[in-house]
Protein backbone atom coordinates (compact mmCIF):
# COMPACT_ATOMS: atom_id res chain seq x y z
CA MET A 1 10.52 -17.49 2.56
CA ARG A 2 9.66 -15.71 5.67
CA LYS A 3 7.85 -12.44 6.04
CA ARG A 4 10.31 -9.37 6.29
CA ASN A 5 10.33 -7.77 9.89
CA TYR A 6 9.53 -3.94 10.22
CA PHE A 7 13.27 -2.86 10.12
CA GLU A 8 13.87 -4.94 6.80
CA GLU A 9 10.82 -3.55 5.39
CA GLN A 10 12.21 0.02 6.22
CA PHE A 11 15.76 -0.72 4.92
CA ALA A 12 14.21 -2.16 1.58
CA ILE A 13 12.03 1.17 0.99
CA SER A 14 15.15 3.17 1.68
CA LEU A 15 17.02 1.37 -1.10
CA SER A 16 14.11 1.43 -3.43
CA GLN A 17 13.05 4.70 -5.18
CA ASP A 18 9.95 2.74 -6.79
CA LEU A 19 8.92 1.84 -3.08
CA GLN A 20 9.50 5.41 -1.80
CA LYS A 21 7.36 6.74 -4.78
CA LYS A 22 4.66 4.30 -3.80
CA TYR A 23 4.65 5.19 -0.10
CA ILE A 24 4.84 8.78 -0.83
CA ALA A 25 1.78 8.63 -3.26
CA LYS A 26 -0.22 6.62 -0.50
CA PHE A 27 0.40 9.09 2.08
CA LEU A 28 -0.54 11.84 -0.24
CA GLU A 29 -3.58 10.17 -0.93
CA LYS A 30 -4.26 9.84 2.68
CA CYS A 31 -3.77 13.33 3.14
CA GLN A 32 -6.24 14.40 0.41
CA ASN A 33 -8.90 12.23 2.11
CA SER A 34 -8.42 13.36 5.56
CA SER A 35 -9.71 16.66 7.05
CA ASP A 36 -7.95 15.91 10.23
CA LEU A 37 -4.30 15.37 9.99
CA SER A 38 -2.09 14.79 13.19
CA GLU A 39 0.63 17.50 13.59
CA ILE A 40 3.11 14.70 12.60
CA ASP A 41 1.44 14.28 9.31
CA CYS A 42 1.26 17.94 8.67
CA ARG A 43 4.95 18.23 9.19
CA ILE A 44 5.69 15.32 6.85
CA LEU A 45 3.58 16.66 4.43
CA SER A 46 5.27 20.03 4.48
CA SER A 47 8.70 18.36 4.27
CA VAL A 48 7.43 16.42 1.14
CA ILE A 49 6.42 19.28 -0.47
CA ARG A 50 9.32 21.29 0.23
CA ASN A 51 11.37 18.64 -1.13
CA LYS A 52 9.27 17.51 -4.00
CA VAL A 53 11.45 15.39 -6.41
CA ASP A 54 9.49 14.56 -10.11
């Protein structure tokens, strides 16, 4: 079985709530452990917080 390319991986993530939750949790952990977030990370974090889904 071949490894999926970037676009296939992103498509798989878009179709899977479990994968979305995994990557959001990973991103939030990164934000918690970083004192110097990029502007893009701050915008993403703001969007995630604003659209929080339990």
